[in-house]
Amino acid sequence: MSEKKKTAKKTLQVLPNEMMTITAEAAEKIKNALQRYSGSGVRIRAKRNERGGVSFSLDVEEEARPDDLILEDKGIKLFVDPLTSQHVQGVEIRCVKTEKGSGFSIVNPGG
């Protein structure tokens, strides 16, 4: 009797663009990072900070994970795990410049 292995293949869900957006300037910087680090998308993570609020981080990723939700905005794929998806409604990713350099700010303009 032969045993067949079944592999579950999950369908990745594309989120509506209203859920999270990227400014044009931030999109260009992210595209450059994806090319530089050979990524296919960017993972956004949310975690509670010491003041009880939510802090976000961005990381270049080669591919989405099976349980990720995916948003595509301005040609960039954003990978969002199920826990983080609870915190990203209305979030905007912006490019910021300071005296120390440039980076990204992840904000909720409505909240």
C-alpha atoms as a PDB file:
ATOM      1  CA  MET A   1       0.000   0.000   0.000  1.00  0.00           C
ATOM      2  CA  SER A   2       1.529   3.306  -1.041  1.00  0.00           C
ATOM      3  CA  GLU A   3       0.978   6.444   0.930  1.00  0.00           C
ATOM      4  CA  LYS A   4       0.440   9.688  -0.940  1.00  0.00           C
ATOM      5  CA  LYS A   5       1.475  12.944   0.619  1.00  0.00           C
ATOM      6  CA  LYS A   6      -0.990  15.762   0.305  1.00  0.00           C
ATOM      7  CA  THR A   7       0.360  19.251   0.332  1.00  0.00           C
ATOM      8  CA  ALA A   8      -2.003  22.042   1.174  1.00  0.00           C
ATOM      9  CA  LYS A   9      -1.645  25.001  -1.124  1.00  0.00           C
ATOM     10  CA  LYS A  10      -3.038  28.217   0.279  1.00  0.00           C
ATOM     11  CA  THR A  11      -4.331  30.963  -1.926  1.00  0.00           C
ATOM     12  CA  LEU A  12      -2.809  34.333  -1.180  1.00  0.00           C
ATOM     13  CA  GLN A  13      -5.369  37.066  -0.663  1.00  0.00           C
ATOM     14  CA  VAL A  14      -4.872  40.487  -2.177  1.00  0.00           C
ATOM     15  CA  LEU A  15      -6.075  43.244   0.119  1.00  0.00           C
ATOM     16  CA  PRO A  16      -7.982  46.304  -1.078  1.00  0.00           C
ATOM     17  CA  ASN A  17      -5.729  49.310  -1.704  1.00  0.00           C
ATOM     18  CA  GLU A  18      -7.677  51.399   0.817  1.00  0.00           C
ATOM     19  CA  MET A  19      -6.364  49.197   3.631  1.00  0.00           C
ATOM     20  CA  MET A  20      -2.777  50.447   3.363  1.00  0.00           C
ATOM     21  CA  THR A  21      -1.063  52.865   0.964  1.00  0.00           C
ATOM     22  CA  ILE A  22       2.449  53.888  -0.013  1.00  0.00           C
ATOM     23  CA  THR A  23       3.371  57.428  -1.048  1.00  0.00           C
ATOM     24  CA  ALA A  24       5.036  57.811  -4.448  1.00  0.00           C
ATOM     25  CA  GLU A  25       8.393  58.803  -2.900  1.00  0.00           C
ATOM     26  CA  ALA A  26       8.333  55.852  -0.482  1.00  0.00           C
ATOM     27  CA  ALA A  27       7.411  53.512  -3.337  1.00  0.00           C
ATOM     28  CA  GLU A  28      10.518  54.542  -5.303  1.00  0.00           C
ATOM     29  CA  LYS A  29      12.778  53.972  -2.276  1.00  0.00           C
ATOM     30  CA  ILE A  30      11.184  50.577  -1.606  1.00  0.00           C
ATOM     31  CA  LYS A  31      11.594  49.543  -5.269  1.00  0.00           C
ATOM     32  CA  ASN A  32      15.297  50.425  -5.024  1.00  0.00           C
ATOM     33  CA  ALA A  33      15.647  48.329  -1.849  1.00  0.00           C
ATOM     34  CA  LEU A  34      13.854  45.373  -3.468  1.00  0.00           C
ATOM     35  CA  GLN A  35      16.281  45.472  -6.395  1.00  0.00           C
ATOM     36  CA  ARG A  36      19.316  45.895  -4.153  1.00  0.00           C
ATOM     37  CA  TYR A  37      18.383  43.042  -1.796  1.00  0.00           C
ATOM     38  CA  SER A  38      16.688  40.752  -4.372  1.00  0.00           C
ATOM     39  CA  GLY A  39      13.282  40.825  -2.719  1.00  0.00           C
ATOM     40  CA  SER A  40       9.878  40.269  -4.242  1.00  0.00           C
ATOM     41  CA  GLY A  41       8.054  42.279  -1.577  1.00  0.00           C
ATOM     42  CA  VAL A  42       8.163  44.009   1.785  1.00  0.00           C
ATOM     43  CA  ARG A  43       6.911  42.549   5.062  1.00  0.00           C
ATOM     44  CA  ILE A  44       5.170  44.949   7.413  1.00  0.00           C
ATOM     45  CA  ARG A  45       5.051  43.890  11.067  1.00  0.00           C
ATOM     46  CA  ALA A  46       3.166  45.411  13.980  1.00  0.00           C
ATOM     47  CA  LYS A  47       4.046  44.954  17.627  1.00  0.00           C
ATOM     48  CA  ARG A  48       2.979  46.594  20.863  1.00  0.00           C
ATOM     49  CA  ASN A  49       5.399  49.179  22.187  1.00  0.00           C
ATOM     50  CA  GLU A  50       6.095  50.032  25.828  1.00  0.00           C
ATOM     51  CA  ARG A  51       3.467  52.810  25.810  1.00  0.00           C
ATOM     52  CA  GLY A  52       0.712  50.418  24.722  1.00  0.00           C
ATOM     53  CA  GLY A  53       0.638  51.689  21.159  1.00  0.00           C
ATOM     54  CA  VAL A  54       1.615  49.856  18.006  1.00  0.00           C
ATOM     55  CA  SER A  55       5.025  50.123  16.333  1.00  0.00           C
ATOM     56  CA  PHE A  56       5.634  48.986  12.760  1.00  0.00           C
ATOM     57  CA  SER A  57       8.682  47.672  10.944  1.00  0.00           C
ATOM     58  CA  LEU A  58       9.477  46.929   7.294  1.00  0.00           C
ATOM     59  CA  ASP A  59      11.740  44.177   5.942  1.00  0.00           C
ATOM     60  CA  VAL A  60      12.578  43.057   2.407  1.00  0.00           C
ATOM     61  CA  GLU A  61      11.390  39.478   1.792  1.00  0.00           C
ATOM     62  CA  GLU A  62      11.980  37.010  -1.019  1.00  0.00           C
ATOM     63  CA  GLU A  63       8.426  35.674  -0.947  1.00  0.00           C
ATOM     64  CA  ALA A  64       5.181  35.698   0.982  1.00  0.00           C
ATOM     65  CA  ARG A  65       4.437  33.073   3.617  1.00  0.00           C
ATOM     66  CA  PRO A  66       1.457  30.738   3.141  1.00  0.00           C
ATOM     67  CA  ASP A  67      -0.719  32.545   5.712  1.00  0.00           C
ATOM     68  CA  ASP A  68       0.162  36.080   4.568  1.00  0.00           C
ATOM     69  CA  LEU A  69      -2.294  38.559   3.187  1.00  0.00           C
ATOM     70  CA  ILE A  70      -0.868  40.561   0.294  1.00  0.00           C
ATOM     71  CA  LEU A  71      -1.462  44.166  -0.696  1.00  0.00           C
ATOM     72  CA  GLU A  72      -0.070  45.554  -3.911  1.00  0.00           C
ATOM     73  CA  ASP A  73       0.262  49.309  -4.225  1.00  0.00           C
ATOM     74  CA  LYS A  74       2.287  51.185  -6.843  1.00  0.00           C
ATOM     75  CA  GLY A  75       3.790  47.900  -8.035  1.00  0.00           C
ATOM     76  CA  ILE A  76       5.024  46.873  -4.568  1.00  0.00           C
ATOM     77  CA  LYS A  77       3.824  43.772  -2.758  1.00  0.00           C
ATOM     78  CA  LEU A  78       3.314  44.208   0.977  1.00  0.00           C
ATOM     79  CA  PHE A  79       3.252  40.934   2.947  1.00  0.00           C
ATOM     80  CA  VAL A  80       1.073  41.100   6.057  1.00  0.00           C
ATOM     81  CA  ASP A  81       0.732  38.304   8.613  1.00  0.00           C
ATOM     82  CA  PRO A  82      -2.751  37.720  10.100  1.00  0.00           C
ATOM     83  CA  LEU A  83      -1.923  39.391  13.447  1.00  0.00           C
ATOM     84  CA  THR A  84      -0.464  42.501  11.829  1.00  0.00           C
ATOM     85  CA  SER A  85      -3.466  42.783   9.490  1.00  0.00           C
ATOM     86  CA  GLN A  86      -5.554  43.840  12.512  1.00  0.00           C
ATOM     87  CA  HIS A  87      -3.471  47.027  12.856  1.00  0.00           C
ATOM     88  CA  VAL A  88      -2.919  48.267   9.301  1.00  0.00           C
ATOM     89  CA  GLN A  89      -6.324  49.656   8.309  1.00  0.00           C
ATOM     90  CA  GLY A  90      -5.667  53.153   6.928  1.00  0.00           C
ATOM     91  CA  VAL A  91      -1.889  53.001   7.398  1.00  0.00           C
ATOM     92  CA  GLU A  92       0.303  54.991   5.027  1.00  0.00           C
ATOM     93  CA  ILE A  93       3.994  54.313   4.378  1.00  0.00           C
ATOM     94  CA  ARG A  94       5.894  57.566   3.842  1.00  0.00           C
ATOM     95  CA  CYS A  95       9.494  58.478   3.130  1.00  0.00           C
ATOM     96  CA  VAL A  96      11.060  60.774   5.722  1.00  0.00           C
ATOM     97  CA  LYS A  97      14.312  62.725   5.745  1.00  0.00           C
ATOM     98  CA  THR A  98      16.105  63.864   8.885  1.00  0.00           C
ATOM     99  CA  GLU A  99      19.542  65.194   9.751  1.00  0.00           C
ATOM    100  CA  LYS A 100      20.657  61.593  10.313  1.00  0.00           C
ATOM    101  CA  GLY A 101      19.447  60.325   6.938  1.00  0.00           C
ATOM    102  CA  SER A 102      16.298  59.037   5.324  1.00  0.00           C
ATOM    103  CA  GLY A 103      13.945  56.197   6.061  1.00  0.00           C
ATOM    104  CA  PHE A 104      10.295  55.291   6.316  1.00  0.00           C
ATOM    105  CA  SER A 105       7.505  56.406   8.587  1.00  0.00           C
ATOM    106  CA  ILE A 106       4.450  54.193   8.950  1.00  0.00           C
ATOM    107  CA  VAL A 107       1.510  56.258  10.150  1.00  0.00           C
ATOM    108  CA  ASN A 108      -2.237  56.193  10.386  1.00  0.00           C
ATOM    109  CA  PRO A 109      -3.337  59.635   9.148  1.00  0.00           C
ATOM    110  CA  GLY A 110      -6.798  59.107  10.607  1.00  0.00           C
ATOM    111  CA  GLY A 111      -5.736  57.900  14.015  1.00  0.00           C
END
